[in-house]
Amino acid sequence: MTVERLEKRGYELDRSDALAVMKFFVEYGMFEKSANLEAHWYDKKKFASKAKYVMMNPSLSLYELIRMRPEEAKKSFTYADYFACSCANGWDKLPGEFRHASSANLCEIMSRGFFRRWTLEFFLELTHLRLPILCCEKIVNQLTNKDLLCICLAVANQLSSDE
């Protein structure tokens, strides 16, 4: 949300800015939280029974949002919705394990566009432009945010060691 607001006001992020944002995610353990999620935690009856009543915006429950594909979720759920979700009616009724899992999952969804956009640029450089952009986009779209970060850091480290 902060990056989006800066860009709307005319600020253009460069690579070092993007890496600083990515390192913020590492510093605050966002990748560890999402990596520790139990597979299919969102299919558990205990989660479903509570999450169907936690409204993330007027027309979307937490249960529906978590089960959406990331591209769909991004269209249905704005940064402002994400920012306000901690105040969502019923959020506090979710058991702690599901509250943390939901929060990590939503963070992954909301930050995905930022990571994909920047990783494509880094990935093209990593491949020395030997692959068509469409192929690179397909590869980048299949990766997790943590994988995307690793690519960006690898290129940044390679560039700093070349200097």
N, C-alpha and C. Protein backbone atom coordinates (compact mmCIF):
# COMPACT_ATOMS: atom_id res chain seq x y z
N MET A 1 0.83 -1.18 0.00
CA MET A 1 0.00 0.00 0.00
C MET A 1 0.88 1.25 0.00
N THR A 2 1.96 1.21 0.76
CA THR A 2 2.87 2.36 0.81
C THR A 2 3.51 2.60 -0.55
N VAL A 3 3.97 1.52 -1.18
CA VAL A 3 4.60 1.64 -2.50
C VAL A 3 3.60 2.20 -3.50
N GLU A 4 2.38 1.69 -3.45
CA GLU A 4 1.35 2.15 -4.38
C GLU A 4 1.09 3.65 -4.20
N ARG A 5 1.04 4.11 -2.97
CA ARG A 5 0.80 5.53 -2.71
C ARG A 5 1.97 6.39 -3.19
N LEU A 6 3.19 5.91 -2.97
CA LEU A 6 4.36 6.64 -3.46
C LEU A 6 4.33 6.78 -4.98
N GLU A 7 4.00 5.68 -5.65
CA GLU A 7 3.96 5.69 -7.11
C GLU A 7 2.86 6.61 -7.63
N LYS A 8 1.72 6.64 -6.95
CA LYS A 8 0.63 7.53 -7.37
C LYS A 8 1.03 9.00 -7.27
N ARG A 9 1.94 9.28 -6.35
CA ARG A 9 2.40 10.66 -6.17
C ARG A 9 3.61 10.98 -7.05
N GLY A 10 3.96 10.04 -7.94
CA GLY A 10 5.02 10.31 -8.90
C GLY A 10 6.39 9.75 -8.56
N TYR A 11 6.54 9.11 -7.42
CA TYR A 11 7.84 8.54 -7.07
C TYR A 11 8.06 7.26 -7.86
N GLU A 12 9.21 7.15 -8.48
CA GLU A 12 9.54 5.95 -9.24
C GLU A 12 10.56 5.13 -8.47
N LEU A 13 10.17 3.93 -8.08
CA LEU A 13 11.09 3.06 -7.38
C LEU A 13 12.18 2.59 -8.33
N ASP A 14 13.38 2.47 -7.80
CA ASP A 14 14.44 1.84 -8.57
C ASP A 14 14.74 0.49 -7.92
N ARG A 15 15.72 -0.20 -8.44
CA ARG A 15 16.04 -1.54 -7.94
C ARG A 15 16.39 -1.54 -6.46
N SER A 16 17.17 -0.56 -6.05
CA SER A 16 17.58 -0.55 -4.64
C SER A 16 16.37 -0.31 -3.73
N ASP A 17 15.42 0.50 -4.18
CA ASP A 17 14.18 0.70 -3.41
C ASP A 17 13.40 -0.61 -3.32
N ALA A 18 13.27 -1.29 -4.45
CA ALA A 18 12.53 -2.56 -4.47
C ALA A 18 13.19 -3.59 -3.56
N LEU A 19 14.51 -3.66 -3.60
CA LEU A 19 15.22 -4.60 -2.73
C LEU A 19 15.04 -4.24 -1.26
N ALA A 20 15.00 -2.95 -0.95
CA ALA A 20 14.77 -2.52 0.43
C ALA A 20 13.40 -2.99 0.92
N VAL A 21 12.39 -2.87 0.06
CA VAL A 21 11.04 -3.34 0.42
C VAL A 21 11.05 -4.85 0.62
N MET A 22 11.71 -5.56 -0.28
CA MET A 22 11.78 -7.02 -0.17
C MET A 22 12.49 -7.45 1.11
N LYS A 23 13.55 -6.75 1.45
CA LYS A 23 14.30 -7.08 2.68
C LYS A 23 13.45 -6.82 3.93
N PHE A 24 12.55 -5.86 3.83
CA PHE A 24 11.61 -5.59 4.92
C PHE A 24 10.78 -6.84 5.21
N PHE A 25 10.32 -7.51 4.15
CA PHE A 25 9.55 -8.74 4.31
C PHE A 25 10.38 -9.82 4.99
N VAL A 26 11.65 -9.90 4.63
CA VAL A 26 12.54 -10.88 5.26
C VAL A 26 12.75 -10.54 6.72
N GLU A 27 13.03 -9.27 6.98
CA GLU A 27 13.31 -8.81 8.34
C GLU A 27 12.15 -9.10 9.29
N TYR A 28 10.94 -8.98 8.81
CA TYR A 28 9.78 -9.21 9.66
C TYR A 28 9.24 -10.63 9.55
N GLY A 29 10.01 -11.52 8.95
CA GLY A 29 9.69 -12.95 8.96
C GLY A 29 8.47 -13.36 8.16
N MET A 30 8.10 -12.59 7.16
CA MET A 30 6.89 -12.94 6.41
C MET A 30 7.03 -14.26 5.65
N PHE A 31 8.23 -14.58 5.21
CA PHE A 31 8.39 -15.82 4.46
C PHE A 31 8.38 -17.03 5.39
N GLU A 32 8.88 -16.87 6.60
CA GLU A 32 8.85 -17.97 7.55
C GLU A 32 7.41 -18.29 7.94
N LYS A 33 6.60 -17.24 8.13
CA LYS A 33 5.21 -17.45 8.51
C LYS A 33 4.47 -18.24 7.44
N SER A 34 4.66 -17.87 6.17
CA SER A 34 3.94 -18.57 5.12
C SER A 34 4.52 -19.96 4.88
N ALA A 35 5.82 -20.14 5.12
CA ALA A 35 6.43 -21.46 4.93
C ALA A 35 5.98 -22.45 6.01
N ASN A 36 5.61 -21.94 7.17
CA ASN A 36 5.21 -22.81 8.28
C ASN A 36 3.75 -23.23 8.22
N LEU A 37 3.03 -22.78 7.22
CA LEU A 37 1.62 -23.12 7.13
C LEU A 37 1.45 -24.60 6.80
N GLU A 38 0.54 -25.23 7.51
CA GLU A 38 0.22 -26.62 7.23
C GLU A 38 -0.52 -26.68 5.89
N ALA A 39 -0.21 -27.68 5.11
CA ALA A 39 -0.87 -27.82 3.81
C ALA A 39 -2.39 -27.93 3.99
N HIS A 40 -3.12 -27.20 3.21
CA HIS A 40 -4.59 -27.23 3.20
C HIS A 40 -5.21 -26.90 4.56
N TRP A 41 -4.57 -26.03 5.32
CA TRP A 41 -5.12 -25.59 6.60
C TRP A 41 -6.50 -24.96 6.42
N TYR A 42 -6.72 -24.36 5.25
CA TYR A 42 -7.98 -23.66 4.97
C TYR A 42 -9.13 -24.61 4.69
N ASP A 43 -8.86 -25.92 4.55
CA ASP A 43 -9.92 -26.90 4.31
C ASP A 43 -10.49 -27.46 5.61
N LYS A 44 -9.89 -27.13 6.73
CA LYS A 44 -10.35 -27.68 8.00
C LYS A 44 -11.72 -27.10 8.37
N LYS A 45 -12.58 -27.97 8.90
CA LYS A 45 -13.94 -27.55 9.25
C LYS A 45 -13.94 -26.43 10.28
N LYS A 46 -13.00 -26.49 11.21
CA LYS A 46 -12.92 -25.48 12.27
C LYS A 46 -12.68 -24.09 11.66
N PHE A 47 -11.82 -24.04 10.66
CA PHE A 47 -11.55 -22.77 9.98
C PHE A 47 -12.76 -22.33 9.18
N ALA A 48 -13.28 -23.24 8.37
CA ALA A 48 -14.40 -22.91 7.48
C ALA A 48 -15.60 -22.40 8.25
N SER A 49 -15.91 -23.04 9.38
CA SER A 49 -17.10 -22.66 10.14
C SER A 49 -17.01 -21.24 10.68
N LYS A 50 -15.82 -20.76 10.96
CA LYS A 50 -15.66 -19.39 11.48
C LYS A 50 -15.41 -18.39 10.34
N ALA A 51 -14.58 -18.78 9.37
CA ALA A 51 -14.14 -17.85 8.32
C ALA A 51 -15.26 -17.43 7.38
N LYS A 52 -16.30 -18.24 7.26
CA LYS A 52 -17.42 -17.88 6.39
C LYS A 52 -18.16 -16.65 6.90
N TYR A 53 -17.98 -16.34 8.19
CA TYR A 53 -18.68 -15.21 8.80
C TYR A 53 -17.78 -14.00 9.04
N VAL A 54 -16.52 -14.11 8.67
CA VAL A 54 -15.61 -12.97 8.78
C VAL A 54 -15.63 -12.26 7.43
N MET A 55 -16.22 -11.09 7.41
CA MET A 55 -16.37 -10.35 6.15
C MET A 55 -15.16 -9.44 5.94
N MET A 56 -14.48 -9.65 4.82
CA MET A 56 -13.29 -8.88 4.49
C MET A 56 -13.65 -7.57 3.78
N ASN A 57 -14.73 -7.59 3.07
CA ASN A 57 -15.35 -6.39 2.51
C ASN A 57 -16.84 -6.74 2.40
N PRO A 58 -17.70 -5.83 2.02
CA PRO A 58 -19.14 -6.12 2.07
C PRO A 58 -19.60 -7.36 1.29
N SER A 59 -18.85 -7.77 0.29
CA SER A 59 -19.31 -8.90 -0.53
C SER A 59 -18.37 -10.11 -0.51
N LEU A 60 -17.41 -10.13 0.40
CA LEU A 60 -16.40 -11.19 0.37
C LEU A 60 -16.03 -11.66 1.77
N SER A 61 -16.22 -12.96 2.01
CA SER A 61 -15.84 -13.51 3.32
C SER A 61 -14.37 -13.94 3.28
N LEU A 62 -13.79 -14.08 4.45
CA LEU A 62 -12.41 -14.56 4.55
C LEU A 62 -12.29 -15.94 3.92
N TYR A 63 -13.27 -16.79 4.14
CA TYR A 63 -13.24 -18.15 3.59
C TYR A 63 -13.17 -18.10 2.06
N GLU A 64 -14.00 -17.27 1.45
CA GLU A 64 -14.01 -17.15 -0.02
C GLU A 64 -12.68 -16.58 -0.52
N LEU A 65 -12.18 -15.59 0.18
CA LEU A 65 -10.93 -14.94 -0.23
C LEU A 65 -9.75 -15.91 -0.19
N ILE A 66 -9.63 -16.66 0.89
CA ILE A 66 -8.52 -17.60 1.05
C ILE A 66 -8.55 -18.68 -0.03
N ARG A 67 -9.72 -19.08 -0.45
CA ARG A 67 -9.85 -20.16 -1.43
C ARG A 67 -9.70 -19.69 -2.89
N MET A 68 -9.66 -18.38 -3.10
CA MET A 68 -9.51 -17.85 -4.46
C MET A 68 -8.08 -18.04 -4.97
N ARG A 69 -7.96 -18.09 -6.28
CA ARG A 69 -6.63 -18.06 -6.89
C ARG A 69 -6.08 -16.65 -6.66
N PRO A 70 -4.77 -16.51 -6.52
CA PRO A 70 -4.19 -15.19 -6.23
C PRO A 70 -4.61 -14.09 -7.20
N GLU A 71 -4.74 -14.41 -8.48
CA GLU A 71 -5.12 -13.40 -9.47
C GLU A 71 -6.55 -12.91 -9.22
N GLU A 72 -7.45 -13.85 -8.88
CA GLU A 72 -8.84 -13.48 -8.57
C GLU A 72 -8.89 -12.65 -7.30
N ALA A 73 -8.16 -13.09 -6.29
CA ALA A 73 -8.17 -12.40 -5.00
C ALA A 73 -7.70 -10.97 -5.16
N LYS A 74 -6.69 -10.76 -5.96
CA LYS A 74 -6.15 -9.43 -6.17
C LYS A 74 -7.19 -8.49 -6.78
N LYS A 75 -8.06 -9.04 -7.63
CA LYS A 75 -9.11 -8.23 -8.25
C LYS A 75 -10.25 -7.93 -7.27
N SER A 76 -10.52 -8.86 -6.36
CA SER A 76 -11.67 -8.73 -5.46
C SER A 76 -11.33 -8.05 -4.14
N PHE A 77 -10.05 -7.94 -3.85
CA PHE A 77 -9.62 -7.49 -2.53
C PHE A 77 -8.53 -6.44 -2.70
N THR A 78 -8.82 -5.21 -2.30
CA THR A 78 -7.89 -4.11 -2.51
C THR A 78 -6.91 -3.97 -1.35
N TYR A 79 -5.89 -3.14 -1.56
CA TYR A 79 -4.95 -2.85 -0.47
C TYR A 79 -5.68 -2.22 0.71
N ALA A 80 -6.64 -1.36 0.42
CA ALA A 80 -7.41 -0.73 1.49
C ALA A 80 -8.19 -1.78 2.28
N ASP A 81 -8.75 -2.77 1.57
CA ASP A 81 -9.45 -3.87 2.25
C ASP A 81 -8.48 -4.63 3.14
N TYR A 82 -7.29 -4.89 2.62
CA TYR A 82 -6.28 -5.63 3.39
C TYR A 82 -5.91 -4.86 4.64
N PHE A 83 -5.70 -3.57 4.48
CA PHE A 83 -5.32 -2.72 5.60
C PHE A 83 -6.40 -2.72 6.68
N ALA A 84 -7.65 -2.73 6.25
CA ALA A 84 -8.78 -2.69 7.18
C ALA A 84 -9.15 -4.06 7.74
N CYS A 85 -8.59 -5.13 7.20
CA CYS A 85 -9.05 -6.47 7.58
C CYS A 85 -8.77 -6.82 9.03
N SER A 86 -7.77 -6.19 9.64
CA SER A 86 -7.50 -6.50 11.04
C SER A 86 -8.66 -6.04 11.92
N CYS A 87 -9.47 -5.16 11.39
CA CYS A 87 -10.64 -4.68 12.13
C CYS A 87 -11.91 -5.38 11.68
N ALA A 88 -11.76 -6.37 10.82
CA ALA A 88 -12.93 -7.06 10.26
C ALA A 88 -13.78 -7.66 11.36
N ASN A 89 -15.06 -7.57 11.14
CA ASN A 89 -16.01 -8.11 12.10
C ASN A 89 -15.86 -9.63 12.16
N GLY A 90 -15.48 -10.15 13.31
CA GLY A 90 -15.35 -11.59 13.48
C GLY A 90 -13.93 -12.10 13.38
N TRP A 91 -13.00 -11.26 12.94
CA TRP A 91 -11.59 -11.68 12.80
C TRP A 91 -11.06 -12.23 14.13
N ASP A 92 -11.43 -11.57 15.21
CA ASP A 92 -10.95 -11.98 16.53
C ASP A 92 -11.57 -13.30 17.00
N LYS A 93 -12.60 -13.76 16.32
CA LYS A 93 -13.24 -15.03 16.69
C LYS A 93 -12.54 -16.24 16.07
N LEU A 94 -11.63 -15.98 15.14
CA LEU A 94 -10.87 -17.08 14.54
C LEU A 94 -9.86 -17.60 15.56
N PRO A 95 -9.69 -18.91 15.66
CA PRO A 95 -8.63 -19.44 16.53
C PRO A 95 -7.28 -18.88 16.08
N GLY A 96 -6.38 -18.64 17.03
CA GLY A 96 -5.09 -18.02 16.76
C GLY A 96 -4.32 -18.63 15.60
N GLU A 97 -4.29 -19.97 15.53
CA GLU A 97 -3.54 -20.63 14.45
C GLU A 97 -4.07 -20.23 13.08
N PHE A 98 -5.39 -20.10 12.96
CA PHE A 98 -5.99 -19.73 11.68
C PHE A 98 -5.86 -18.23 11.41
N ARG A 99 -5.88 -17.43 12.47
CA ARG A 99 -5.70 -15.99 12.30
C ARG A 99 -4.31 -15.71 11.73
N HIS A 100 -3.30 -16.37 12.29
CA HIS A 100 -1.93 -16.18 11.81
C HIS A 100 -1.76 -16.72 10.39
N ALA A 101 -2.33 -17.89 10.13
CA ALA A 101 -2.24 -18.50 8.80
C ALA A 101 -2.94 -17.61 7.77
N SER A 102 -4.11 -17.10 8.13
CA SER A 102 -4.86 -16.23 7.21
C SER A 102 -4.08 -14.95 6.93
N SER A 103 -3.52 -14.38 7.97
CA SER A 103 -2.75 -13.15 7.82
C SER A 103 -1.55 -13.36 6.90
N ALA A 104 -0.81 -14.46 7.10
CA ALA A 104 0.35 -14.76 6.25
C ALA A 104 -0.09 -14.98 4.81
N ASN A 105 -1.20 -15.69 4.63
CA ASN A 105 -1.70 -15.97 3.29
C ASN A 105 -2.11 -14.68 2.58
N LEU A 106 -2.80 -13.80 3.29
CA LEU A 106 -3.23 -12.53 2.70
C LEU A 106 -2.02 -11.65 2.35
N CYS A 107 -1.02 -11.67 3.19
CA CYS A 107 0.20 -10.91 2.91
C CYS A 107 0.86 -11.42 1.64
N GLU A 108 0.91 -12.73 1.49
CA GLU A 108 1.49 -13.35 0.29
C GLU A 108 0.71 -12.90 -0.96
N ILE A 109 -0.61 -12.92 -0.87
CA ILE A 109 -1.45 -12.53 -2.00
C ILE A 109 -1.23 -11.06 -2.36
N MET A 110 -1.26 -10.21 -1.35
CA MET A 110 -1.21 -8.78 -1.60
C MET A 110 0.17 -8.31 -2.07
N SER A 111 1.22 -9.00 -1.67
CA SER A 111 2.56 -8.57 -2.08
C SER A 111 3.01 -9.22 -3.39
N ARG A 112 2.25 -10.18 -3.86
CA ARG A 112 2.65 -10.95 -5.04
C ARG A 112 2.91 -10.09 -6.28
N GLY A 113 2.05 -9.16 -6.55
CA GLY A 113 2.22 -8.31 -7.73
C GLY A 113 3.52 -7.53 -7.68
N PHE A 114 3.84 -7.00 -6.52
CA PHE A 114 5.08 -6.26 -6.35
C PHE A 114 6.28 -7.17 -6.62
N PHE A 115 6.29 -8.35 -6.03
CA PHE A 115 7.41 -9.27 -6.21
C PHE A 115 7.53 -9.73 -7.67
N ARG A 116 6.41 -10.05 -8.28
CA ARG A 116 6.45 -10.50 -9.68
C ARG A 116 6.99 -9.42 -10.61
N ARG A 117 6.49 -8.22 -10.42
CA ARG A 117 6.90 -7.11 -11.30
C ARG A 117 8.41 -6.90 -11.25
N TRP A 118 8.96 -6.87 -10.05
CA TRP A 118 10.40 -6.62 -9.92
C TRP A 118 11.23 -7.84 -10.29
N THR A 119 10.75 -9.01 -9.98
CA THR A 119 11.52 -10.21 -10.29
C THR A 119 11.67 -10.38 -11.79
N LEU A 120 10.67 -10.03 -12.54
CA LEU A 120 10.78 -10.16 -14.00
C LEU A 120 11.99 -9.38 -14.51
N GLU A 121 12.15 -8.17 -14.03
CA GLU A 121 13.30 -7.35 -14.44
C GLU A 121 14.62 -8.02 -14.04
N PHE A 122 14.70 -8.50 -12.80
CA PHE A 122 15.92 -9.17 -12.33
C PHE A 122 16.16 -10.48 -13.09
N PHE A 123 15.08 -11.21 -13.35
CA PHE A 123 15.20 -12.50 -14.04
C PHE A 123 15.70 -12.32 -15.47
N LEU A 124 15.20 -11.31 -16.14
CA LEU A 124 15.67 -11.03 -17.50
C LEU A 124 17.17 -10.76 -17.51
N GLU A 125 17.62 -10.05 -16.49
CA GLU A 125 19.05 -9.78 -16.39
C GLU A 125 19.83 -11.06 -16.07
N LEU A 126 19.27 -11.88 -15.20
CA LEU A 126 19.92 -13.14 -14.82
C LEU A 126 20.12 -14.05 -16.04
N THR A 127 19.14 -14.04 -16.93
CA THR A 127 19.22 -14.88 -18.13
C THR A 127 19.93 -14.17 -19.28
N HIS A 128 20.41 -12.95 -19.03
CA HIS A 128 21.09 -12.15 -20.06
C HIS A 128 20.22 -11.98 -21.30
N LEU A 129 18.91 -11.85 -21.06
CA LEU A 129 17.92 -11.64 -22.13
C LEU A 129 17.92 -12.74 -23.18
N ARG A 130 18.33 -13.94 -22.80
CA ARG A 130 18.38 -15.06 -23.75
C ARG A 130 17.02 -15.72 -23.95
N LEU A 131 16.10 -15.47 -23.03
CA LEU A 131 14.76 -16.03 -23.15
C LEU A 131 13.78 -14.93 -23.52
N PRO A 132 12.76 -15.25 -24.29
CA PRO A 132 11.73 -14.24 -24.58
C PRO A 132 11.01 -13.82 -23.29
N ILE A 133 10.54 -12.60 -23.28
CA ILE A 133 9.87 -12.07 -22.09
C ILE A 133 8.68 -12.94 -21.71
N LEU A 134 7.91 -13.42 -22.68
CA LEU A 134 6.75 -14.27 -22.37
C LEU A 134 7.16 -15.54 -21.62
N CYS A 135 8.26 -16.14 -22.00
CA CYS A 135 8.75 -17.33 -21.29
C CYS A 135 9.15 -16.97 -19.86
N CYS A 136 9.84 -15.85 -19.72
CA CYS A 136 10.26 -15.39 -18.40
C CYS A 136 9.04 -15.11 -17.52
N GLU A 137 8.02 -14.48 -18.09
CA GLU A 137 6.80 -14.20 -17.33
C GLU A 137 6.14 -15.49 -16.86
N LYS A 138 6.09 -16.49 -17.73
CA LYS A 138 5.49 -17.78 -17.35
C LYS A 138 6.26 -18.42 -16.21
N ILE A 139 7.58 -18.36 -16.26
CA ILE A 139 8.40 -18.93 -15.20
C ILE A 139 8.17 -18.18 -13.89
N VAL A 140 8.24 -16.87 -13.95
CA VAL A 140 8.08 -16.03 -12.75
C VAL A 140 6.69 -16.24 -12.13
N ASN A 141 5.67 -16.38 -12.95
CA ASN A 141 4.30 -16.56 -12.44
C ASN A 141 4.11 -17.86 -11.67
N GLN A 142 4.99 -18.83 -11.89
CA GLN A 142 4.86 -20.13 -11.21
C GLN A 142 5.57 -20.16 -9.85
N LEU A 143 6.33 -19.14 -9.53
CA LEU A 143 7.16 -19.15 -8.33
C LEU A 143 6.46 -18.52 -7.13
N THR A 144 6.88 -18.92 -5.94
CA THR A 144 6.37 -18.30 -4.72
C THR A 144 7.09 -16.98 -4.50
N ASN A 145 6.56 -16.16 -3.60
CA ASN A 145 7.21 -14.90 -3.29
C ASN A 145 8.63 -15.12 -2.76
N LYS A 146 8.82 -16.18 -1.99
CA LYS A 146 10.15 -16.46 -1.45
C LYS A 146 11.12 -16.79 -2.60
N ASP A 147 10.66 -17.56 -3.58
CA ASP A 147 11.49 -17.86 -4.75
C ASP A 147 11.82 -16.58 -5.52
N LEU A 148 10.82 -15.72 -5.66
CA LEU A 148 11.01 -14.46 -6.37
C LEU A 148 12.06 -13.61 -5.67
N LEU A 149 11.98 -13.56 -4.35
CA LEU A 149 12.97 -12.82 -3.57
C LEU A 149 14.37 -13.38 -3.80
N CYS A 150 14.50 -14.69 -3.79
CA CYS A 150 15.82 -15.33 -3.98
C CYS A 150 16.43 -14.95 -5.32
N ILE A 151 15.61 -14.87 -6.36
CA ILE A 151 16.12 -14.46 -7.67
C ILE A 151 16.63 -13.02 -7.61
N CYS A 152 15.85 -12.14 -7.02
CA CYS A 152 16.25 -10.73 -6.92
C CYS A 152 17.55 -10.58 -6.13
N LEU A 153 17.64 -11.29 -5.01
CA LEU A 153 18.85 -11.20 -4.20
C LEU A 153 20.06 -11.79 -4.92
N ALA A 154 19.84 -12.87 -5.66
CA ALA A 154 20.95 -13.48 -6.41
C ALA A 154 21.51 -12.51 -7.44
N VAL A 155 20.63 -11.84 -8.16
CA VAL A 155 21.08 -10.88 -9.17
C VAL A 155 21.76 -9.69 -8.50
N ALA A 156 21.18 -9.20 -7.41
CA ALA A 156 21.77 -8.06 -6.69
C ALA A 156 23.16 -8.43 -6.17
N ASN A 157 23.30 -9.62 -5.62
CA ASN A 157 24.61 -10.06 -5.13
C ASN A 157 25.61 -10.22 -6.27
N GLN A 158 25.13 -10.74 -7.39
CA GLN A 158 25.99 -10.91 -8.56
C GLN A 158 26.48 -9.54 -9.06
N LEU A 159 25.57 -8.58 -9.09
CA LEU A 159 25.94 -7.24 -9.55
C LEU A 159 26.93 -6.57 -8.60
N SER A 160 26.71 -6.73 -7.30
CA SER A 160 27.61 -6.10 -6.33
C SER A 160 28.99 -6.75 -6.33
N SER A 161 29.07 -8.04 -6.62
CA SER A 161 30.38 -8.71 -6.68
C SER A 161 31.11 -8.39 -7.98
N ASP A 162 30.36 -8.02 -9.03
CA ASP A 162 30.98 -7.64 -10.30
C ASP A 162 31.62 -6.26 -10.24
N GLU A 163 31.15 -5.45 -9.30
CA GLU A 163 31.64 -4.05 -9.22
C GLU A 163 32.97 -3.96 -8.56
